[in-house]
Each structure stands twice: as structure tokens, then as C-alpha cells.
PDB file of N, CA and C in Angstrom:
ATOM      1  N   GLN A   1     123.528  90.103 141.240  1.00  0.00           N
ATOM      2  CA  GLN A   1     124.142  90.987 142.044  1.00  0.00           C
ATOM      3  C   GLN A   1     124.370  90.819 143.616  1.00  0.00           C
ATOM      4  N   VAL A   2     125.470  90.869 143.750  1.00  0.00           N
ATOM      5  CA  VAL A   2     126.189  90.664 145.375  1.00  0.00           C
ATOM      6  C   VAL A   2     125.344  91.458 146.299  1.00  0.00           C
ATOM      7  N   GLN A   3     125.009  92.891 145.955  1.00  0.00           N
ATOM      8  CA  GLN A   3     124.268  93.835 147.099  1.00  0.00           C
ATOM      9  C   GLN A   3     122.659  93.258 147.340  1.00  0.00           C
ATOM     10  N   PRO A   4     122.480  92.806 148.211  1.00  0.00           N
ATOM     11  CA  PRO A   4     120.705  92.379 148.342  1.00  0.00           C
ATOM     12  C   PRO A   4     119.900  93.438 148.336  1.00  0.00           C
ATOM     13  N   VAL A   5     119.064  92.566 147.378  1.00  0.00           N
ATOM     14  CA  VAL A   5     117.758  93.528 147.117  1.00  0.00           C
ATOM     15  C   VAL A   5     116.542  93.151 147.534  1.00  0.00           C
ATOM     16  N   GLU A   6     115.959  94.527 148.421  1.00  0.00           N
ATOM     17  CA  GLU A   6     114.627  93.759 149.538  1.00  0.00           C
ATOM     18  C   GLU A   6     113.038  94.420 148.505  1.00  0.00           C
ATOM     19  N   SER A   7     112.126  93.618 148.896  1.00  0.00           N
ATOM     20  CA  SER A   7     110.849  94.058 148.151  1.00  0.00           C
ATOM     21  C   SER A   7     109.868  93.386 149.517  1.00  0.00           C
ATOM     22  N   GLY A   8     108.586  93.798 148.805  1.00  0.00           N
ATOM     23  CA  GLY A   8     107.623  93.772 150.318  1.00  0.00           C
ATOM     24  C   GLY A   8     107.334  94.434 150.636  1.00  0.00           C
ATOM     25  N   GLY A   9     107.697  95.658 151.054  1.00  0.00           N
ATOM     26  CA  GLY A   9     107.323  96.477 152.352  1.00  0.00           C
ATOM     27  C   GLY A   9     105.896  97.665 151.717  1.00  0.00           C
ATOM     28  N   GLY A  10     105.642  98.133 152.624  1.00  0.00           N
ATOM     29  CA  GLY A  10     104.218  99.016 152.397  1.00  0.00           C
ATOM     30  C   GLY A  10     103.586  99.444 153.440  1.00  0.00           C
ATOM     31  N   LEU A  11     102.609  99.723 153.189  1.00  0.00           N
ATOM     32  CA  LEU A  11     101.822  99.951 154.385  1.00  0.00           C
ATOM     33  C   LEU A  11     100.338  99.251 154.716  1.00  0.00           C
ATOM     34  N   VAL A  12     100.231  98.859 155.666  1.00  0.00           N
ATOM     35  CA  VAL A  12      99.508  98.318 156.760  1.00  0.00           C
ATOM     36  C   VAL A  12      98.583  98.951 157.955  1.00  0.00           C
ATOM     37  N   GLN A  13      97.568  98.257 158.585  1.00  0.00           N
ATOM     38  CA  GLN A  13      97.186  98.531 159.408  1.00  0.00           C
ATOM     39  C   GLN A  13      97.691  97.723 160.806  1.00  0.00           C
ATOM     40  N   PRO A  14      97.711  97.838 161.733  1.00  0.00           N
ATOM     41  CA  PRO A  14      97.628  97.873 163.034  1.00  0.00           C
ATOM     42  C   PRO A  14      97.324  96.263 163.268  1.00  0.00           C
ATOM     43  N   GLY A  15      98.037  95.569 163.552  1.00  0.00           N
ATOM     44  CA  GLY A  15      97.679  93.654 163.066  1.00  0.00           C
ATOM     45  C   GLY A  15      97.647  93.346 162.232  1.00  0.00           C
ATOM     46  N   GLY A  16      98.295  93.612 160.654  1.00  0.00           N
ATOM     47  CA  GLY A  16      98.468  93.419 159.642  1.00  0.00           C
ATOM     48  C   GLY A  16      99.258  92.422 159.850  1.00  0.00           C
ATOM     49  N   SER A  17      99.783  92.317 158.928  1.00  0.00           N
ATOM     50  CA  SER A  17     100.882  91.009 158.114  1.00  0.00           C
ATOM     51  C   SER A  17     101.548  91.491 156.860  1.00  0.00           C
ATOM     52  N   LEU A  18     102.924  91.486 156.876  1.00  0.00           N
ATOM     53  CA  LEU A  18     103.748  91.857 155.542  1.00  0.00           C
ATOM     54  C   LEU A  18     104.625  90.551 155.357  1.00  0.00           C
ATOM     55  N   ARG A  19     105.351  90.485 153.769  1.00  0.00           N
ATOM     56  CA  ARG A  19     106.450  89.791 153.959  1.00  0.00           C
ATOM     57  C   ARG A  19     107.097  90.253 152.856  1.00  0.00           C
ATOM     58  N   LEU A  20     108.329  90.374 153.877  1.00  0.00           N
ATOM     59  CA  LEU A  20     109.537  90.871 153.040  1.00  0.00           C
ATOM     60  C   LEU A  20     110.166  90.072 152.441  1.00  0.00           C
ATOM     61  N   SER A  21     110.565  90.386 151.617  1.00  0.00           N
ATOM     62  CA  SER A  21     112.136  89.014 150.589  1.00  0.00           C
ATOM     63  C   SER A  21     113.069  89.848 150.096  1.00  0.00           C
ATOM     64  N   CYS A  22     114.084  89.267 150.046  1.00  0.00           N
ATOM     65  CA  CYS A  22     115.058  89.574 150.240  1.00  0.00           C
ATOM     66  C   CYS A  22     116.254  88.681 148.992  1.00  0.00           C
ATOM     67  N   SER A  23     116.474  89.069 147.868  1.00  0.00           N
ATOM     68  CA  SER A  23     117.110  88.603 147.385  1.00  0.00           C
ATOM     69  C   SER A  23     118.937  88.379 146.980  1.00  0.00           C
ATOM     70  N   ALA A  24     119.698  87.745 146.785  1.00  0.00           N
ATOM     71  CA  ALA A  24     120.782  88.103 146.272  1.00  0.00           C
ATOM     72  C   ALA A  24     121.938  87.253 145.711  1.00  0.00           C
ATOM     73  N   SER A  25     122.395  87.551 144.862  1.00  0.00           N
ATOM     74  CA  SER A  25     122.938  86.840 143.412  1.00  0.00           C
ATOM     75  C   SER A  25     124.425  87.124 144.119  1.00  0.00           C
ATOM     76  N   GLY A  26     124.955  85.632 143.317  1.00  0.00           N
ATOM     77  CA  GLY A  26     126.982  86.374 142.914  1.00  0.00           C
ATOM     78  C   GLY A  26     127.640  85.686 143.941  1.00  0.00           C
ATOM     79  N   ILE A  27     126.485  84.670 145.135  1.00  0.00           N
ATOM     80  CA  ILE A  27     127.421  84.393 145.990  1.00  0.00           C
ATOM     81  C   ILE A  27     126.725  82.672 146.702  1.00  0.00           C
ATOM     82  N   ILE A  28     127.545  82.121 147.039  1.00  0.00           N
ATOM     83  CA  ILE A  28     126.984  81.141 147.589  1.00  0.00           C
ATOM     84  C   ILE A  28     126.153  81.190 148.923  1.00  0.00           C
ATOM     85  N   PHE A  29     124.597  81.683 148.655  1.00  0.00           N
ATOM     86  CA  PHE A  29     123.902  82.244 149.277  1.00  0.00           C
ATOM     87  C   PHE A  29     123.861  80.494 150.284  1.00  0.00           C
ATOM     88  N   SER A  30     123.434  79.468 150.170  1.00  0.00           N
ATOM     89  CA  SER A  30     123.752  78.633 151.348  1.00  0.00           C
ATOM     90  C   SER A  30     124.456  78.233 152.377  1.00  0.00           C
ATOM     91  N   ARG A  31     125.633  79.114 152.158  1.00  0.00           N
ATOM     92  CA  ARG A  31     126.565  79.131 153.375  1.00  0.00           C
ATOM     93  C   ARG A  31     126.786  80.656 154.196  1.00  0.00           C
ATOM     94  N   VAL A  32     125.844  81.592 153.787  1.00  0.00           N
ATOM     95  CA  VAL A  32     125.522  82.924 154.250  1.00  0.00           C
ATOM     96  C   VAL A  32     124.745  83.107 155.162  1.00  0.00           C
ATOM     97  N   ALA A  33     124.651  83.664 156.603  1.00  0.00           N
ATOM     98  CA  ALA A  33     123.805  83.824 157.340  1.00  0.00           C
ATOM     99  C   ALA A  33     123.074  85.431 156.464  1.00  0.00           C
ATOM    100  N   MET A  34     121.683  85.494 156.758  1.00  0.00           N
ATOM    101  CA  MET A  34     121.281  86.571 156.276  1.00  0.00           C
ATOM    102  C   MET A  34     120.771  87.391 157.540  1.00  0.00           C
ATOM    103  N   ALA A  35     120.560  88.523 157.616  1.00  0.00           N
ATOM    104  CA  ALA A  35     119.519  89.477 158.558  1.00  0.00           C
ATOM    105  C   ALA A  35     118.887  90.282 158.074  1.00  0.00           C
ATOM    106  N   TRP A  36     118.093  90.228 158.861  1.00  0.00           N
ATOM    107  CA  TRP A  36     117.268  92.086 158.568  1.00  0.00           C
ATOM    108  C   TRP A  36     117.047  92.501 160.123  1.00  0.00           C
ATOM    109  N   HIS A  37     117.091  93.996 159.522  1.00  0.00           N
ATOM    110  CA  HIS A  37     117.622  94.907 160.250  1.00  0.00           C
ATOM    111  C   HIS A  37     116.563  96.035 160.417  1.00  0.00           C
ATOM    112  N   ARG A  38     116.107  97.013 161.326  1.00  0.00           N
ATOM    113  CA  ARG A  38     115.437  97.741 160.781  1.00  0.00           C
ATOM    114  C   ARG A  38     115.796  99.307 161.961  1.00  0.00           C
ATOM    115  N   GLN A  39     115.415 100.502 161.169  1.00  0.00           N
ATOM    116  CA  GLN A  39     115.829 101.792 161.673  1.00  0.00           C
ATOM    117  C   GLN A  39     114.475 102.572 161.433  1.00  0.00           C
ATOM    118  N   ALA A  40     114.314 102.932 162.913  1.00  0.00           N
ATOM    119  CA  ALA A  40     112.812 103.791 162.374  1.00  0.00           C
ATOM    120  C   ALA A  40     113.362 105.660 162.853  1.00  0.00           C
ATOM    121  N   PRO A  41     112.687 106.111 162.274  1.00  0.00           N
ATOM    122  CA  PRO A  41     112.991 107.701 162.326  1.00  0.00           C
ATOM    123  C   PRO A  41     113.744 107.951 163.732  1.00  0.00           C
ATOM    124  N   GLY A  42     114.257 108.706 164.052  1.00  0.00           N
ATOM    125  CA  GLY A  42     115.297 109.127 165.381  1.00  0.00           C
ATOM    126  C   GLY A  42     115.934 107.976 165.936  1.00  0.00           C
ATOM    127  N   LYS A  43     115.757 106.891 165.369  1.00  0.00           N
ATOM    128  CA  LYS A  43     116.656 105.864 166.281  1.00  0.00           C
ATOM    129  C   LYS A  43     117.525 104.828 165.457  1.00  0.00           C
ATOM    130  N   GLN A  44     118.687 104.028 166.377  1.00  0.00           N
ATOM    131  CA  GLN A  44     119.471 103.578 165.680  1.00  0.00           C
ATOM    132  C   GLN A  44     118.468 102.309 165.174  1.00  0.00           C
ATOM    133  N   ARG A  45     120.075 101.870 163.896  1.00  0.00           N
ATOM    134  CA  ARG A  45     119.569 100.518 163.491  1.00  0.00           C
ATOM    135  C   ARG A  45     119.387  99.098 164.331  1.00  0.00           C
ATOM    136  N   GLU A  46     118.455  98.498 164.544  1.00  0.00           N
ATOM    137  CA  GLU A  46     118.864  97.570 165.218  1.00  0.00           C
ATOM    138  C   GLU A  46     118.463  96.718 164.149  1.00  0.00           C
ATOM    139  N   LEU A  47     119.303  95.187 164.695  1.00  0.00           N
ATOM    140  CA  LEU A  47     119.128  93.413 164.173  1.00  0.00           C
ATOM    141  C   LEU A  47     117.892  93.183 164.736  1.00  0.00           C
ATOM    142  N   VAL A  48     116.628  92.504 163.392  1.00  0.00           N
ATOM    143  CA  VAL A  48     115.612  92.079 163.925  1.00  0.00           C
ATOM    144  C   VAL A  48     115.544  90.761 164.040  1.00  0.00           C
ATOM    145  N   ALA A  49     116.564  90.104 162.819  1.00  0.00           N
ATOM    146  CA  ALA A  49     115.989  89.078 162.427  1.00  0.00           C
ATOM    147  C   ALA A  49     117.369  88.255 162.164  1.00  0.00           C
ATOM    148  N   ARG A  50     118.025  86.913 162.285  1.00  0.00           N
ATOM    149  CA  ARG A  50     118.959  86.727 161.423  1.00  0.00           C
ATOM    150  C   ARG A  50     118.914  84.860 161.370  1.00  0.00           C
ATOM    151  N   ILE A  51     119.218  84.519 160.515  1.00  0.00           N
ATOM    152  CA  ILE A  51     119.152  83.318 160.014  1.00  0.00           C
ATOM    153  C   ILE A  51     120.221  82.334 159.563  1.00  0.00           C
ATOM    154  N   PHE A  52     120.980  81.451 159.936  1.00  0.00           N
ATOM    155  CA  PHE A  52     121.944  80.788 159.929  1.00  0.00           C
ATOM    156  C   PHE A  52     122.157  79.908 158.916  1.00  0.00           C
ATOM    157  N   SER A  53     123.332  79.347 158.292  1.00  0.00           N
ATOM    158  CA  SER A  53     123.426  79.108 156.870  1.00  0.00           C
ATOM    159  C   SER A  53     122.761  77.577 156.949  1.00  0.00           C
ATOM    160  N   ALA A  54     122.972  76.936 158.384  1.00  0.00           N
ATOM    161  CA  ALA A  54     121.940  75.665 158.594  1.00  0.00           C
ATOM    162  C   ALA A  54     120.395  75.434 159.544  1.00  0.00           C
ATOM    163  N   GLY A  55     120.392  76.991 159.085  1.00  0.00           N
ATOM    164  CA  GLY A  55     118.889  77.322 160.046  1.00  0.00           C
ATOM    165  C   GLY A  55     118.692  77.805 161.090  1.00  0.00           C
ATOM    166  N   SER A  56     118.895  77.462 161.912  1.00  0.00           N
ATOM    167  CA  SER A  56     118.762  78.301 162.841  1.00  0.00           C
ATOM    168  C   SER A  56     118.505  80.071 162.859  1.00  0.00           C
ATOM    169  N   THR A  57     117.836  80.399 163.644  1.00  0.00           N
ATOM    170  CA  THR A  57     117.407  81.643 163.604  1.00  0.00           C
ATOM    171  C   THR A  57     117.260  81.872 165.016  1.00  0.00           C
ATOM    172  N   TRP A  58     117.286  83.363 164.879  1.00  0.00           N
ATOM    173  CA  TRP A  58     117.639  84.285 166.276  1.00  0.00           C
ATOM    174  C   TRP A  58     116.588  85.563 166.260  1.00  0.00           C
ATOM    175  N   TYR A  59     116.152  86.262 167.076  1.00  0.00           N
ATOM    176  CA  TYR A  59     115.185  87.163 166.939  1.00  0.00           C
ATOM    177  C   TYR A  59     115.100  88.281 167.625  1.00  0.00           C
ATOM    178  N   ALA A  60     114.942  89.125 167.572  1.00  0.00           N
ATOM    179  CA  ALA A  60     114.555  90.600 168.631  1.00  0.00           C
ATOM    180  C   ALA A  60     114.183  90.087 169.624  1.00  0.00           C
ATOM    181  N   ASP A  61     113.609  90.098 171.187  1.00  0.00           N
ATOM    182  CA  ASP A  61     112.875  90.168 171.920  1.00  0.00           C
ATOM    183  C   ASP A  61     111.084  91.149 171.729  1.00  0.00           C
ATOM    184  N   SER A  62     111.237  91.800 170.839  1.00  0.00           N
ATOM    185  CA  SER A  62     110.543  93.063 170.244  1.00  0.00           C
ATOM    186  C   SER A  62     109.630  92.161 169.724  1.00  0.00           C
ATOM    187  N   VAL A  63     109.913  91.006 168.907  1.00  0.00           N
ATOM    188  CA  VAL A  63     109.401  91.125 167.368  1.00  0.00           C
ATOM    189  C   VAL A  63     109.011  89.211 167.807  1.00  0.00           C
ATOM    190  N   LYS A  64     109.486  88.630 168.762  1.00  0.00           N
ATOM    191  CA  LYS A  64     109.580  87.634 168.954  1.00  0.00           C
ATOM    192  C   LYS A  64     107.807  86.942 169.234  1.00  0.00           C
ATOM    193  N   GLY A  65     107.635  85.506 168.253  1.00  0.00           N
ATOM    194  CA  GLY A  65     106.312  85.238 168.368  1.00  0.00           C
ATOM    195  C   GLY A  65     105.254  85.771 167.081  1.00  0.00           C
ATOM    196  N   ARG A  66     106.063  87.283 166.521  1.00  0.00           N
ATOM    197  CA  ARG A  66     105.379  87.844 165.835  1.00  0.00           C
ATOM    198  C   ARG A  66     105.586  87.612 164.268  1.00  0.00           C
ATOM    199  N   PHE A  67     107.520  87.466 164.369  1.00  0.00           N
ATOM    200  CA  PHE A  67     108.046  87.477 162.825  1.00  0.00           C
ATOM    201  C   PHE A  67     108.415  86.035 162.820  1.00  0.00           C
ATOM    202  N   THR A  68     109.314  86.162 161.507  1.00  0.00           N
ATOM    203  CA  THR A  68     109.628  84.712 161.286  1.00  0.00           C
ATOM    204  C   THR A  68     110.376  84.671 160.306  1.00  0.00           C
ATOM    205  N   ILE A  69     111.611  84.300 160.348  1.00  0.00           N
ATOM    206  CA  ILE A  69     112.661  84.601 158.501  1.00  0.00           C
ATOM    207  C   ILE A  69     112.595  83.199 158.295  1.00  0.00           C
ATOM    208  N   SER A  70     113.238  82.864 157.290  1.00  0.00           N
ATOM    209  CA  SER A  70     113.304  81.890 156.619  1.00  0.00           C
ATOM    210  C   SER A  70     113.630  82.045 155.499  1.00  0.00           C
ATOM    211  N   ARG A  71     114.023  81.195 154.734  1.00  0.00           N
ATOM    212  CA  ARG A  71     115.580  81.166 153.605  1.00  0.00           C
ATOM    213  C   ARG A  71     115.018  79.824 152.800  1.00  0.00           C
ATOM    214  N   ASP A  72     115.203  80.504 151.295  1.00  0.00           N
ATOM    215  CA  ASP A  72     115.219  79.864 150.044  1.00  0.00           C
ATOM    216  C   ASP A  72     116.292  79.611 149.387  1.00  0.00           C
ATOM    217  N   ASN A  73     117.082  78.576 149.489  1.00  0.00           N
ATOM    218  CA  ASN A  73     118.287  78.606 148.892  1.00  0.00           C
ATOM    219  C   ASN A  73     118.462  78.244 147.669  1.00  0.00           C
ATOM    220  N   ALA A  74     117.248  77.916 147.245  1.00  0.00           N
ATOM    221  CA  ALA A  74     117.097  77.782 146.154  1.00  0.00           C
ATOM    222  C   ALA A  74     116.977  78.286 144.936  1.00  0.00           C
ATOM    223  N   ARG A  75     116.489  79.470 145.488  1.00  0.00           N
ATOM    224  CA  ARG A  75     116.138  80.911 145.066  1.00  0.00           C
ATOM    225  C   ARG A  75     116.809  82.124 145.789  1.00  0.00           C
ATOM    226  N   ASN A  76     118.031  81.929 146.070  1.00  0.00           N
ATOM    227  CA  ASN A  76     118.435  82.526 147.100  1.00  0.00           C
ATOM    228  C   ASN A  76     117.787  84.052 147.409  1.00  0.00           C
ATOM    229  N   THR A  77     117.141  83.524 148.387  1.00  0.00           N
ATOM    230  CA  THR A  77     116.268  84.257 148.984  1.00  0.00           C
ATOM    231  C   THR A  77     115.671  83.719 150.297  1.00  0.00           C
ATOM    232  N   VAL A  78     115.833  85.040 151.294  1.00  0.00           N
ATOM    233  CA  VAL A  78     115.604  84.952 152.558  1.00  0.00           C
ATOM    234  C   VAL A  78     113.727  86.460 152.874  1.00  0.00           C
ATOM    235  N   TYR A  79     113.540  85.820 153.406  1.00  0.00           N
ATOM    236  CA  TYR A  79     111.946  85.837 153.845  1.00  0.00           C
ATOM    237  C   TYR A  79     111.741  86.789 155.305  1.00  0.00           C
ATOM    238  N   LEU A  80     111.234  87.738 155.845  1.00  0.00           N
ATOM    239  CA  LEU A  80     110.643  88.147 156.857  1.00  0.00           C
ATOM    240  C   LEU A  80     109.093  88.299 156.874  1.00  0.00           C
ATOM    241  N   GLN A  81     108.902  87.252 157.218  1.00  0.00           N
ATOM    242  CA  GLN A  81     106.883  87.145 157.938  1.00  0.00           C
ATOM    243  C   GLN A  81     107.149  87.830 158.995  1.00  0.00           C
ATOM    244  N   MET A  82     105.871  88.815 159.008  1.00  0.00           N
ATOM    245  CA  MET A  82     105.704  89.488 159.882  1.00  0.00           C
ATOM    246  C   MET A  82     103.933  90.115 160.058  1.00  0.00           C
ATOM    247  N   ASN A  83     103.933  89.302 161.536  1.00  0.00           N
ATOM    248  CA  ASN A  83     102.256  89.359 161.855  1.00  0.00           C
ATOM    249  C   ASN A  83     102.520  90.005 162.677  1.00  0.00           C
ATOM    250  N   GLY A  84     100.882  90.221 162.812  1.00  0.00           N
ATOM    251  CA  GLY A  84     100.392  90.814 164.269  1.00  0.00           C
ATOM    252  C   GLY A  84     101.937  92.938 164.461  1.00  0.00           C
ATOM    253  N   LEU A  85     101.490  93.297 163.266  1.00  0.00           N
ATOM    254  CA  LEU A  85     102.454  94.399 162.905  1.00  0.00           C
ATOM    255  C   LEU A  85     101.555  95.602 163.910  1.00  0.00           C
ATOM    256  N   LYS A  86     102.476  96.068 164.385  1.00  0.00           N
ATOM    257  CA  LYS A  86     102.262  97.426 165.481  1.00  0.00           C
ATOM    258  C   LYS A  86     103.070  98.354 165.014  1.00  0.00           C
ATOM    259  N   PRO A  87     102.889  99.727 165.678  1.00  0.00           N
ATOM    260  CA  PRO A  87     102.665 101.167 164.489  1.00  0.00           C
ATOM    261  C   PRO A  87     104.302 101.693 165.067  1.00  0.00           C
ATOM    262  N   GLU A  88     104.761 100.820 166.320  1.00  0.00           N
ATOM    263  CA  GLU A  88     106.220 100.619 166.391  1.00  0.00           C
ATOM    264  C   GLU A  88     107.243  99.390 165.578  1.00  0.00           C
ATOM    265  N   ASP A  89     106.519  99.051 164.587  1.00  0.00           N
ATOM    266  CA  ASP A  89     107.084  98.660 163.949  1.00  0.00           C
ATOM    267  C   ASP A  89     107.442  98.911 162.806  1.00  0.00           C
ATOM    268  N   THR A  90     106.880  99.982 162.400  1.00  0.00           N
ATOM    269  CA  THR A  90     107.464 101.284 161.105  1.00  0.00           C
ATOM    270  C   THR A  90     108.525 101.777 161.420  1.00  0.00           C
ATOM    271  N   ALA A  91     108.980 101.301 160.238  1.00  0.00           N
ATOM    272  CA  ALA A  91     110.609 101.200 160.484  1.00  0.00           C
ATOM    273  C   ALA A  91     111.099 101.262 158.432  1.00  0.00           C
ATOM    274  N   VAL A  92     112.486 101.650 158.244  1.00  0.00           N
ATOM    275  CA  VAL A  92     113.010 100.862 157.357  1.00  0.00           C
ATOM    276  C   VAL A  92     113.154  99.784 156.876  1.00  0.00           C
ATOM    277  N   TYR A  93     113.443  98.541 156.870  1.00  0.00           N
ATOM    278  CA  TYR A  93     113.564  97.496 156.976  1.00  0.00           C
ATOM    279  C   TYR A  93     115.206  97.414 155.976  1.00  0.00           C
ATOM    280  N   TYR A  94     116.339  96.526 156.614  1.00  0.00           N
ATOM    281  CA  TYR A  94     116.956  96.270 155.346  1.00  0.00           C
ATOM    282  C   TYR A  94     117.368  94.844 155.316  1.00  0.00           C
ATOM    283  N   CYS A  95     118.208  94.160 154.879  1.00  0.00           N
ATOM    284  CA  CYS A  95     118.888  92.906 154.599  1.00  0.00           C
ATOM    285  C   CYS A  95     120.394  93.040 154.428  1.00  0.00           C
ATOM    286  N   GLU A  96     120.714  91.877 155.412  1.00  0.00           N
ATOM    287  CA  GLU A  96     122.420  92.334 155.429  1.00  0.00           C
ATOM    288  C   GLU A  96     122.915  90.871 155.352  1.00  0.00           C
ATOM    289  N   TYR A  97     123.879  90.694 154.854  1.00  0.00           N
ATOM    290  CA  TYR A  97     124.798  89.590 154.776  1.00  0.00           C
ATOM    291  C   TYR A  97     126.412  89.564 155.170  1.00  0.00           C
ATOM    292  N   SER A  98     126.988  89.029 156.054  1.00  0.00           N
ATOM    293  CA  SER A  98     128.680  88.902 155.648  1.00  0.00           C
ATOM    294  C   SER A  98     128.985  90.425 156.401  1.00  0.00           C
ATOM    295  N   SER A  99     127.662  91.010 157.240  1.00  0.00           N
ATOM    296  CA  SER A  99     127.812  92.077 157.782  1.00  0.00           C
ATOM    297  C   SER A  99     128.817  93.346 156.959  1.00  0.00           C
ATOM    298  N   THR A 100     128.842  93.070 155.842  1.00  0.00           N
ATOM    299  CA  THR A 100     129.365  93.858 154.564  1.00  0.00           C
ATOM    300  C   THR A 100     128.415  94.117 153.542  1.00  0.00           C
ATOM    301  N   TYR A 101     127.358  93.825 153.239  1.00  0.00           N
ATOM    302  CA  TYR A 101     126.598  93.965 151.937  1.00  0.00           C
ATOM    303  C   TYR A 101     125.288  94.264 152.631  1.00  0.00           C
ATOM    304  N   TRP A 102     125.038  95.263 152.409  1.00  0.00           N
ATOM    305  CA  TRP A 102     123.433  95.947 152.792  1.00  0.00           C
ATOM    306  C   TRP A 102     122.305  95.912 151.182  1.00  0.00           C
ATOM    307  N   GLY A 103     121.217  95.629 151.798  1.00  0.00           N
ATOM    308  CA  GLY A 103     120.623  96.310 150.733  1.00  0.00           C
ATOM    309  C   GLY A 103     120.258  97.909 150.867  1.00  0.00           C
ATOM    310  N   GLN A 104     119.243  98.208 150.031  1.00  0.00           N
ATOM    311  CA  GLN A 104     119.000 100.095 149.958  1.00  0.00           C
ATOM    312  C   GLN A 104     117.649  99.853 151.038  1.00  0.00           C
ATOM    313  N   GLY A 105     117.152  99.169 151.338  1.00  0.00           N
ATOM    314  CA  GLY A 105     116.103  99.479 152.168  1.00  0.00           C
ATOM    315  C   GLY A 105     115.419  99.402 152.095  1.00  0.00           C
ATOM    316  N   ILE A 106     113.466  99.183 152.701  1.00  0.00           N
ATOM    317  CA  ILE A 106     112.553  98.865 152.250  1.00  0.00           C
ATOM    318  C   ILE A 106     111.583  99.392 153.441  1.00  0.00           C
ATOM    319  N   GLN A 107     110.299 100.702 152.816  1.00  0.00           N
ATOM    320  CA  GLN A 107     109.668 100.855 154.148  1.00  0.00           C
ATOM    321  C   GLN A 107     108.568 100.078 154.739  1.00  0.00           C
ATOM    322  N   VAL A 108     108.708 100.098 155.830  1.00  0.00           N
ATOM    323  CA  VAL A 108     107.187  99.420 156.300  1.00  0.00           C
ATOM    324  C   VAL A 108     106.477 100.191 157.003  1.00  0.00           C
ATOM    325  N   THR A 109     105.310 101.029 156.772  1.00  0.00           N
ATOM    326  CA  THR A 109     104.299 101.327 157.496  1.00  0.00           C
ATOM    327  C   THR A 109     103.421 101.116 158.517  1.00  0.00           C
ATOM    328  N   VAL A 110     102.990 100.916 159.340  1.00  0.00           N
ATOM    329  CA  VAL A 110     101.817 100.359 160.337  1.00  0.00           C
ATOM    330  C   VAL A 110     101.293 101.443 160.798  1.00  0.00           C
ATOM    331  N   SER A 111      99.908 101.270 160.464  1.00  0.00           N
ATOM    332  CA  SER A 111      99.263 102.859 160.483  1.00  0.00           C
ATOM    333  C   SER A 111      97.768 102.867 160.267  1.00  0.00           C
ATOM    334  N   SER A 112      97.114 103.315 161.223  1.00  0.00           N
ATOM    335  CA  SER A 112      95.511 103.745 160.594  1.00  0.00           C
ATOM    336  C   SER A 112      95.048 104.478 160.073  1.00  0.00           C
TER     337      SER A 112
END
């Protein structure tokens, strides 16, 4: 399946953790940069983190030190480990690659 498929979202209390997963098949996964974006209600979609084919990473300032993006090329999967979650992290999170293929999005809600 060329379109990425996300999983792992849900409801978590402030300070908690979640791990998002995104799988994509039918591509040479190891050669593509993968990214996570998010869109909060009433706000524009923003890039959260990206991991390049060689393994280097980029993070938005708002998540640095709390989120970690990683990839498992053998499983065609990219992860977003989110720790120290804040209510402002509440959003629909999207997986993307090649600026063309987007997942359907998965809800993450941080609330007590």
C-alpha cells in the first residue's frame, strides 16, 4: 500500500507518552525521507519531525527534547515517540513521504 497508514493515537493525560506508527509498502522505504505533521483545530498543518534515508532527523522547536522520530526499514515503518505530552500537542497527526503521499491522520488528545 503506497499510502501510509498511521496507528497508535488516543487519549493521554498531560505528561504522558504515546508512540505513533506509520507503515508504507510498495515503495523502496529505505530510500525515502519520512515525516510526521500535525494539525490542531483552527490551525494550519505543521511539520513536527522528519527522518531522512540516512537516519538524520529534524524537529520543530515545539517538540525538541520530547519527541523522537525513528525508522525500521525492515518493517517499512516510521515511529514517533512522544513523551512529556502537553495539551497543546492535541492534534490530528499525519504521516507523509515524498511530499505527495499522506496517511489518513490519527487523533492524539492530551487532556486530564
